[in-house]
């Protein structure tokens, strides 16, 4: 993991501001993108959320169906089994 040298505090509501330089570099759009939050030991890890297929974990060509994310490949495979 590479340090950015940037230190930010947490406000009274528990919010943390991600610096503009980092948001720009990761192509994070305000009010559009979401994050997944992980814990590893004493570390908190933020990762830009990308919906993945519930069957194969693929993030390409994913659509939501009845609240579940499914990729085009798995949709084709499922339709052949019907």
PDB file of N, CA and C in Angstrom:
ATOM      1  N   UNK A   1       0.845  -1.164   0.000  1.00  0.00           N
ATOM      2  CA  UNK A   1       0.000   0.000   0.000  1.00  0.00           C
ATOM      3  C   UNK A   1       0.896   1.235   0.000  1.00  0.00           C
ATOM      4  N   UNK A   2       0.573   2.197  -0.840  1.00  0.00           N
ATOM      5  CA  UNK A   2       1.388   3.402  -0.972  1.00  0.00           C
ATOM      6  C   UNK A   2       0.757   4.566  -0.207  1.00  0.00           C
ATOM      7  N   UNK A   3       1.542   5.241   0.618  1.00  0.00           N
ATOM      8  CA  UNK A   3       1.061   6.395   1.368  1.00  0.00           C
ATOM      9  C   UNK A   3       0.970   7.614   0.459  1.00  0.00           C
ATOM     10  N   UNK A   4      -0.106   8.390   0.617  1.00  0.00           N
ATOM     11  CA  UNK A   4      -0.261   9.626  -0.154  1.00  0.00           C
ATOM     12  C   UNK A   4       0.316  10.813   0.586  1.00  0.00           C
ATOM     13  N   UNK A   5       0.538  10.651   1.898  1.00  0.00           N
ATOM     14  CA  UNK A   5       1.030  11.760   2.707  1.00  0.00           C
ATOM     15  C   UNK A   5      -0.074  12.725   3.105  1.00  0.00           C
ATOM     16  N   UNK A   6      -1.313  12.409   2.748  1.00  0.00           N
ATOM     17  CA  UNK A   6      -2.453  13.275   3.071  1.00  0.00           C
ATOM     18  C   UNK A   6      -3.101  12.755   4.350  1.00  0.00           C
ATOM     19  N   UNK A   7      -3.372  13.656   5.282  1.00  0.00           N
ATOM     20  CA  UNK A   7      -4.033  13.293   6.532  1.00  0.00           C
ATOM     21  C   UNK A   7      -5.310  14.113   6.641  1.00  0.00           C
ATOM     22  N   UNK A   8      -6.407  13.435   6.938  1.00  0.00           N
ATOM     23  CA  UNK A   8      -7.702  14.108   7.091  1.00  0.00           C
ATOM     24  C   UNK A   8      -8.326  13.662   8.402  1.00  0.00           C
ATOM     25  N   UNK A   9      -9.039  14.557   9.045  1.00  0.00           N
ATOM     26  CA  UNK A   9      -9.768  14.230  10.268  1.00  0.00           C
ATOM     27  C   UNK A   9     -11.183  13.766   9.953  1.00  0.00           C
ATOM     28  N   UNK A  10     -11.818  13.216  10.961  1.00  0.00           N
ATOM     29  CA  UNK A  10     -13.211  12.786  10.865  1.00  0.00           C
ATOM     30  C   UNK A  10     -14.054  13.833  11.582  1.00  0.00           C
ATOM     31  N   UNK A  11     -15.173  14.260  10.945  1.00  0.00           N
ATOM     32  CA  UNK A  11     -16.003  15.284  11.581  1.00  0.00           C
ATOM     33  C   UNK A  11     -16.914  14.664  12.644  1.00  0.00           C
ATOM     34  N   UNK A  12     -17.720  15.496  13.304  1.00  0.00           N
ATOM     35  CA  UNK A  12     -18.558  15.033  14.418  1.00  0.00           C
ATOM     36  C   UNK A  12     -19.637  14.033  13.991  1.00  0.00           C
ATOM     37  N   UNK A  13     -19.906  13.900  12.688  1.00  0.00           N
ATOM     38  CA  UNK A  13     -20.867  12.913  12.182  1.00  0.00           C
ATOM     39  C   UNK A  13     -20.170  11.648  11.666  1.00  0.00           C
ATOM     40  N   UNK A  14     -18.843  11.595  11.814  1.00  0.00           N
ATOM     41  CA  UNK A  14     -18.093  10.419  11.387  1.00  0.00           C
ATOM     42  C   UNK A  14     -17.704  10.437   9.922  1.00  0.00           C
ATOM     43  N   UNK A  15     -17.838  11.578   9.270  1.00  0.00           N
ATOM     44  CA  UNK A  15     -17.523  11.674   7.837  1.00  0.00           C
ATOM     45  C   UNK A  15     -16.055  11.996   7.615  1.00  0.00           C
ATOM     46  N   UNK A  16     -15.553  11.476   6.517  1.00  0.00           N
ATOM     47  CA  UNK A  16     -14.179  11.692   6.107  1.00  0.00           C
ATOM     48  C   UNK A  16     -14.199  12.185   4.665  1.00  0.00           C
ATOM     49  N   UNK A  17     -13.491  13.261   4.388  1.00  0.00           N
ATOM     50  CA  UNK A  17     -13.440  13.806   3.032  1.00  0.00           C
ATOM     51  C   UNK A  17     -12.300  13.158   2.265  1.00  0.00           C
ATOM     52  N   UNK A  18     -12.615  12.607   1.097  1.00  0.00           N
ATOM     53  CA  UNK A  18     -11.583  12.060   0.218  1.00  0.00           C
ATOM     54  C   UNK A  18     -11.075  13.223  -0.627  1.00  0.00           C
ATOM     55  N   UNK A  19      -9.777  13.515  -0.566  1.00  0.00           N
ATOM     56  CA  UNK A  19      -9.238  14.681  -1.278  1.00  0.00           C
ATOM     57  C   UNK A  19      -9.533  14.657  -2.780  1.00  0.00           C
ATOM     58  N   UNK A  20      -9.711  15.839  -3.324  1.00  0.00           N
ATOM     59  CA  UNK A  20     -10.042  16.021  -4.751  1.00  0.00           C
ATOM     60  C   UNK A  20      -9.024  15.327  -5.653  1.00  0.00           C
ATOM     61  N   UNK A  21      -7.727  15.407  -5.301  1.00  0.00           N
ATOM     62  CA  UNK A  21      -6.690  14.793  -6.136  1.00  0.00           C
ATOM     63  C   UNK A  21      -6.914  13.282  -6.273  1.00  0.00           C
ATOM     64  N   UNK A  22      -7.305  12.640  -5.180  1.00  0.00           N
ATOM     65  CA  UNK A  22      -7.543  11.199  -5.200  1.00  0.00           C
ATOM     66  C   UNK A  22      -8.821  10.888  -5.975  1.00  0.00           C
ATOM     67  N   UNK A  23      -9.888  11.678  -5.752  1.00  0.00           N
ATOM     68  CA  UNK A  23     -11.147  11.456  -6.486  1.00  0.00           C
ATOM     69  C   UNK A  23     -10.941  11.607  -7.981  1.00  0.00           C
ATOM     70  N   UNK A  24     -10.147  12.579  -8.380  1.00  0.00           N
ATOM     71  CA  UNK A  24      -9.873  12.793  -9.804  1.00  0.00           C
ATOM     72  C   UNK A  24      -9.070  11.625 -10.381  1.00  0.00           C
ATOM     73  N   UNK A  25      -8.044  11.219  -9.683  1.00  0.00           N
ATOM     74  CA  UNK A  25      -7.188  10.130 -10.177  1.00  0.00           C
ATOM     75  C   UNK A  25      -7.951   8.821 -10.331  1.00  0.00           C
ATOM     76  N   UNK A  26      -8.911   8.558  -9.429  1.00  0.00           N
ATOM     77  CA  UNK A  26      -9.692   7.324  -9.481  1.00  0.00           C
ATOM     78  C   UNK A  26     -11.006   7.471 -10.242  1.00  0.00           C
ATOM     79  N   UNK A  27     -11.220   8.642 -10.860  1.00  0.00           N
ATOM     80  CA  UNK A  27     -12.435   8.922 -11.626  1.00  0.00           C
ATOM     81  C   UNK A  27     -13.687   8.700 -10.774  1.00  0.00           C
ATOM     82  N   UNK A  28     -13.670   9.259  -9.572  1.00  0.00           N
ATOM     83  CA  UNK A  28     -14.805   9.170  -8.652  1.00  0.00           C
ATOM     84  C   UNK A  28     -15.682  10.390  -8.879  1.00  0.00           C
ATOM     85  N   UNK A  29     -16.949  10.138  -9.195  1.00  0.00           N
ATOM     86  CA  UNK A  29     -17.884  11.214  -9.480  1.00  0.00           C
ATOM     87  C   UNK A  29     -18.760  11.481  -8.263  1.00  0.00           C
ATOM     88  N   UNK A  30     -18.826  12.764  -7.857  1.00  0.00           N
ATOM     89  CA  UNK A  30     -19.650  13.159  -6.720  1.00  0.00           C
ATOM     90  C   UNK A  30     -21.107  12.782  -6.958  1.00  0.00           C
ATOM     91  N   UNK A  31     -21.761  12.296  -5.924  1.00  0.00           N
ATOM     92  CA  UNK A  31     -23.183  11.920  -5.947  1.00  0.00           C
ATOM     93  C   UNK A  31     -23.510  10.819  -6.950  1.00  0.00           C
ATOM     94  N   UNK A  32     -22.505  10.100  -7.472  1.00  0.00           N
ATOM     95  CA  UNK A  32     -22.728   9.010  -8.426  1.00  0.00           C
ATOM     96  C   UNK A  32     -22.118   7.720  -7.898  1.00  0.00           C
ATOM     97  N   UNK A  33     -20.842   7.765  -7.575  1.00  0.00           N
ATOM     98  CA  UNK A  33     -20.110   6.559  -7.189  1.00  0.00           C
ATOM     99  C   UNK A  33     -20.319   6.205  -5.722  1.00  0.00           C
ATOM    100  N   UNK A  34     -20.189   4.910  -5.440  1.00  0.00           N
ATOM    101  CA  UNK A  34     -20.295   4.387  -4.080  1.00  0.00           C
ATOM    102  C   UNK A  34     -19.007   3.648  -3.737  1.00  0.00           C
ATOM    103  N   UNK A  35     -18.840   3.357  -2.448  1.00  0.00           N
ATOM    104  CA  UNK A  35     -17.659   2.657  -1.979  1.00  0.00           C
ATOM    105  C   UNK A  35     -18.038   1.429  -1.173  1.00  0.00           C
ATOM    106  N   UNK A  36     -17.194   0.411  -1.263  1.00  0.00           N
ATOM    107  CA  UNK A  36     -17.277  -0.731  -0.362  1.00  0.00           C
ATOM    108  C   UNK A  36     -16.286  -0.460   0.756  1.00  0.00           C
ATOM    109  N   UNK A  37     -16.634  -0.850   1.969  1.00  0.00           N
ATOM    110  CA  UNK A  37     -15.784  -0.611   3.123  1.00  0.00           C
ATOM    111  C   UNK A  37     -15.375  -1.961   3.700  1.00  0.00           C
ATOM    112  N   UNK A  38     -14.070  -2.160   3.845  1.00  0.00           N
ATOM    113  CA  UNK A  38     -13.508  -3.398   4.376  1.00  0.00           C
ATOM    114  C   UNK A  38     -12.670  -3.090   5.599  1.00  0.00           C
ATOM    115  N   UNK A  39     -12.526  -4.078   6.460  1.00  0.00           N
ATOM    116  CA  UNK A  39     -11.605  -3.975   7.586  1.00  0.00           C
ATOM    117  C   UNK A  39     -10.596  -5.093   7.467  1.00  0.00           C
ATOM    118  N   UNK A  40      -9.329  -4.733   7.671  1.00  0.00           N
ATOM    119  CA  UNK A  40      -8.243  -5.711   7.681  1.00  0.00           C
ATOM    120  C   UNK A  40      -7.357  -5.372   8.867  1.00  0.00           C
ATOM    121  N   UNK A  41      -7.455  -6.174   9.920  1.00  0.00           N
ATOM    122  CA  UNK A  41      -6.725  -5.856  11.145  1.00  0.00           C
ATOM    123  C   UNK A  41      -7.208  -4.528  11.696  1.00  0.00           C
ATOM    124  N   UNK A  42      -6.288  -3.580  11.861  1.00  0.00           N
ATOM    125  CA  UNK A  42      -6.633  -2.240  12.352  1.00  0.00           C
ATOM    126  C   UNK A  42      -6.810  -1.233  11.223  1.00  0.00           C
ATOM    127  N   UNK A  43      -6.910  -1.711   9.989  1.00  0.00           N
ATOM    128  CA  UNK A  43      -7.028  -0.816   8.841  1.00  0.00           C
ATOM    129  C   UNK A  43      -8.448  -0.824   8.269  1.00  0.00           C
ATOM    130  N   UNK A  44      -8.863   0.327   7.779  1.00  0.00           N
ATOM    131  CA  UNK A  44     -10.119   0.449   7.045  1.00  0.00           C
ATOM    132  C   UNK A  44      -9.742   0.663   5.588  1.00  0.00           C
ATOM    133  N   UNK A  45     -10.331  -0.129   4.703  1.00  0.00           N
ATOM    134  CA  UNK A  45     -10.014  -0.048   3.278  1.00  0.00           C
ATOM    135  C   UNK A  45     -11.265   0.357   2.526  1.00  0.00           C
ATOM    136  N   UNK A  46     -11.146   1.410   1.723  1.00  0.00           N
ATOM    137  CA  UNK A  46     -12.242   1.859   0.861  1.00  0.00           C
ATOM    138  C   UNK A  46     -11.936   1.440  -0.565  1.00  0.00           C
ATOM    139  N   UNK A  47     -12.927   0.893  -1.253  1.00  0.00           N
ATOM    140  CA  UNK A  47     -12.748   0.524  -2.657  1.00  0.00           C
ATOM    141  C   UNK A  47     -13.963   0.998  -3.425  1.00  0.00           C
ATOM    142  N   UNK A  48     -13.711   1.629  -4.565  1.00  0.00           N
ATOM    143  CA  UNK A  48     -14.801   2.082  -5.417  1.00  0.00           C
ATOM    144  C   UNK A  48     -15.666   0.877  -5.774  1.00  0.00           C
ATOM    145  N   UNK A  49     -16.972   1.002  -5.544  1.00  0.00           N
ATOM    146  CA  UNK A  49     -17.887  -0.116  -5.760  1.00  0.00           C
ATOM    147  C   UNK A  49     -18.155  -0.349  -7.236  1.00  0.00           C
ATOM    148  N   UNK A  50     -18.012  -1.586  -7.641  1.00  0.00           N
ATOM    149  CA  UNK A  50     -18.406  -2.023  -8.981  1.00  0.00           C
ATOM    150  C   UNK A  50     -19.300  -3.234  -8.810  1.00  0.00           C
ATOM    151  N   UNK A  51     -20.535  -3.171  -9.335  1.00  0.00           N
ATOM    152  CA  UNK A  51     -21.398  -4.346  -9.212  1.00  0.00           C
ATOM    153  C   UNK A  51     -20.804  -5.527  -9.963  1.00  0.00           C
ATOM    154  N   UNK A  52     -20.852  -6.701  -9.352  1.00  0.00           N
ATOM    155  CA  UNK A  52     -20.328  -7.908  -9.978  1.00  0.00           C
ATOM    156  C   UNK A  52     -21.414  -8.973 -10.032  1.00  0.00           C
ATOM    157  N   UNK A  53     -21.256  -9.895 -10.940  1.00  0.00           N
ATOM    158  CA  UNK A  53     -22.203 -10.989 -11.144  1.00  0.00           C
ATOM    159  C   UNK A  53     -22.237 -11.888  -9.903  1.00  0.00           C
ATOM    160  N   UNK A  54     -23.448 -12.241  -9.446  1.00  0.00           N
ATOM    161  CA  UNK A  54     -23.586 -13.103  -8.273  1.00  0.00           C
ATOM    162  C   UNK A  54     -23.100 -14.520  -8.557  1.00  0.00           C
ATOM    163  N   UNK A  55     -23.025 -14.905  -9.824  1.00  0.00           N
ATOM    164  CA  UNK A  55     -22.614 -16.263 -10.172  1.00  0.00           C
ATOM    165  C   UNK A  55     -21.110 -16.391 -10.395  1.00  0.00           C
ATOM    166  N   UNK A  56     -20.521 -15.494 -11.192  1.00  0.00           N
ATOM    167  CA  UNK A  56     -19.114 -15.675 -11.582  1.00  0.00           C
ATOM    168  C   UNK A  56     -18.190 -14.566 -11.064  1.00  0.00           C
ATOM    169  N   UNK A  57     -18.746 -13.469 -10.538  1.00  0.00           N
ATOM    170  CA  UNK A  57     -17.923 -12.387 -10.016  1.00  0.00           C
ATOM    171  C   UNK A  57     -17.433 -11.405 -11.069  1.00  0.00           C
ATOM    172  N   UNK A  58     -17.835 -11.586 -12.323  1.00  0.00           N
ATOM    173  CA  UNK A  58     -17.440 -10.702 -13.421  1.00  0.00           C
ATOM    174  C   UNK A  58     -18.082  -9.322 -13.243  1.00  0.00           C
ATOM    175  N   UNK A  59     -17.345  -8.259 -13.572  1.00  0.00           N
ATOM    176  CA  UNK A  59     -17.875  -6.898 -13.451  1.00  0.00           C
ATOM    177  C   UNK A  59     -18.265  -6.304 -14.802  1.00  0.00           C
ATOM    178  N   UNK A  60     -18.044  -7.036 -15.897  1.00  0.00           N
ATOM    179  CA  UNK A  60     -18.343  -6.519 -17.236  1.00  0.00           C
ATOM    180  C   UNK A  60     -19.743  -6.922 -17.685  1.00  0.00           C
ATOM    181  N   UNK A  61     -20.498  -5.960 -18.202  1.00  0.00           N
ATOM    182  CA  UNK A  61     -21.819  -6.243 -18.754  1.00  0.00           C
ATOM    183  C   UNK A  61     -22.823  -6.707 -17.714  1.00  0.00           C
ATOM    184  N   UNK A  62     -22.740  -6.183 -16.500  1.00  0.00           N
ATOM    185  CA  UNK A  62     -23.629  -6.600 -15.425  1.00  0.00           C
ATOM    186  C   UNK A  62     -24.925  -5.796 -15.463  1.00  0.00           C
ATOM    187  N   UNK A  63     -26.048  -6.505 -15.325  1.00  0.00           N
ATOM    188  CA  UNK A  63     -27.344  -5.845 -15.189  1.00  0.00           C
ATOM    189  C   UNK A  63     -27.987  -6.318 -13.899  1.00  0.00           C
ATOM    190  N   UNK A  64     -28.904  -5.531 -13.382  1.00  0.00           N
ATOM    191  CA  UNK A  64     -29.607  -5.902 -12.167  1.00  0.00           C
ATOM    192  C   UNK A  64     -30.923  -6.563 -12.550  1.00  0.00           C
ATOM    193  N   UNK A  65     -31.190  -7.739 -11.980  1.00  0.00           N
ATOM    194  CA  UNK A  65     -32.434  -8.462 -12.231  1.00  0.00           C
ATOM    195  C   UNK A  65     -32.993  -8.913 -10.887  1.00  0.00           C
ATOM    196  N   UNK A  66     -34.165  -8.406 -10.549  1.00  0.00           N
ATOM    197  CA  UNK A  66     -34.803  -8.721  -9.262  1.00  0.00           C
ATOM    198  C   UNK A  66     -33.861  -8.497  -8.082  1.00  0.00           C
ATOM    199  N   UNK A  67     -33.096  -7.414  -8.143  1.00  0.00           N
ATOM    200  CA  UNK A  67     -32.195  -7.055  -7.055  1.00  0.00           C
ATOM    201  C   UNK A  67     -30.877  -7.815  -7.037  1.00  0.00           C
ATOM    202  N   UNK A  68     -30.630  -8.642  -8.041  1.00  0.00           N
ATOM    203  CA  UNK A  68     -29.382  -9.403  -8.139  1.00  0.00           C
ATOM    204  C   UNK A  68     -28.626  -8.963  -9.382  1.00  0.00           C
ATOM    205  N   UNK A  69     -27.309  -8.878  -9.293  1.00  0.00           N
ATOM    206  CA  UNK A  69     -26.471  -8.509 -10.427  1.00  0.00           C
ATOM    207  C   UNK A  69     -26.053  -9.763 -11.189  1.00  0.00           C
ATOM    208  N   UNK A  70     -26.316  -9.766 -12.503  1.00  0.00           N
ATOM    209  CA  UNK A  70     -25.999 -10.917 -13.345  1.00  0.00           C
ATOM    210  C   UNK A  70     -25.341 -10.403 -14.625  1.00  0.00           C
ATOM    211  N   UNK A  71     -24.239 -11.071 -15.047  1.00  0.00           N
ATOM    212  CA  UNK A  71     -23.544 -10.655 -16.267  1.00  0.00           C
ATOM    213  C   UNK A  71     -24.192 -11.293 -17.498  1.00  0.00           C
ATOM    214  N   UNK A  72     -23.872 -10.742 -18.669  1.00  0.00           N
ATOM    215  CA  UNK A  72     -24.446 -11.219 -19.927  1.00  0.00           C
ATOM    216  C   UNK A  72     -24.098 -12.683 -20.187  1.00  0.00           C
ATOM    217  N   UNK A  73     -22.879 -13.078 -19.869  1.00  0.00           N
ATOM    218  CA  UNK A  73     -22.441 -14.459 -20.098  1.00  0.00           C
ATOM    219  C   UNK A  73     -23.286 -15.433 -19.284  1.00  0.00           C
ATOM    220  N   UNK A  74     -23.489 -15.145 -18.015  1.00  0.00           N
ATOM    221  CA  UNK A  74     -24.285 -16.032 -17.164  1.00  0.00           C
ATOM    222  C   UNK A  74     -25.750 -16.034 -17.588  1.00  0.00           C
ATOM    223  N   UNK A  75     -26.265 -14.908 -18.067  1.00  0.00           N
ATOM    224  CA  UNK A  75     -27.639 -14.872 -18.582  1.00  0.00           C
ATOM    225  C   UNK A  75     -27.772 -15.822 -19.755  1.00  0.00           C
ATOM    226  N   UNK A  76     -26.800 -15.810 -20.686  1.00  0.00           N
ATOM    227  CA  UNK A  76     -26.840 -16.727 -21.828  1.00  0.00           C
ATOM    228  C   UNK A  76     -26.781 -18.170 -21.377  1.00  0.00           C
ATOM    229  N   UNK A  77     -25.882 -18.464 -20.438  1.00  0.00           N
ATOM    230  CA  UNK A  77     -25.762 -19.838 -19.938  1.00  0.00           C
ATOM    231  C   UNK A  77     -27.021 -20.299 -19.230  1.00  0.00           C
ATOM    232  N   UNK A  78     -27.638 -19.396 -18.455  1.00  0.00           N
ATOM    233  CA  UNK A  78     -28.883 -19.749 -17.780  1.00  0.00           C
ATOM    234  C   UNK A  78     -30.019 -19.993 -18.767  1.00  0.00           C
ATOM    235  N   UNK A  79     -30.089 -19.156 -19.802  1.00  0.00           N
ATOM    236  CA  UNK A  79     -31.176 -19.310 -20.776  1.00  0.00           C
ATOM    237  C   UNK A  79     -31.037 -20.634 -21.546  1.00  0.00           C
ATOM    238  N   UNK A  80     -29.816 -21.134 -21.728  1.00  0.00           N
ATOM    239  CA  UNK A  80     -29.610 -22.406 -22.423  1.00  0.00           C
ATOM    240  C   UNK A  80     -30.045 -23.584 -21.551  1.00  0.00           C
ATOM    241  N   UNK A  81     -30.064 -23.420 -20.257  1.00  0.00           N
ATOM    242  CA  UNK A  81     -30.448 -24.502 -19.349  1.00  0.00           C
ATOM    243  C   UNK A  81     -31.953 -24.604 -19.161  1.00  0.00           C
ATOM    244  N   UNK A  82     -32.687 -23.599 -19.631  1.00  0.00           N
ATOM    245  CA  UNK A  82     -34.152 -23.611 -19.473  1.00  0.00           C
ATOM    246  C   UNK A  82     -34.835 -24.439 -20.525  1.00  0.00           C
TER     247      UNK A  82
END
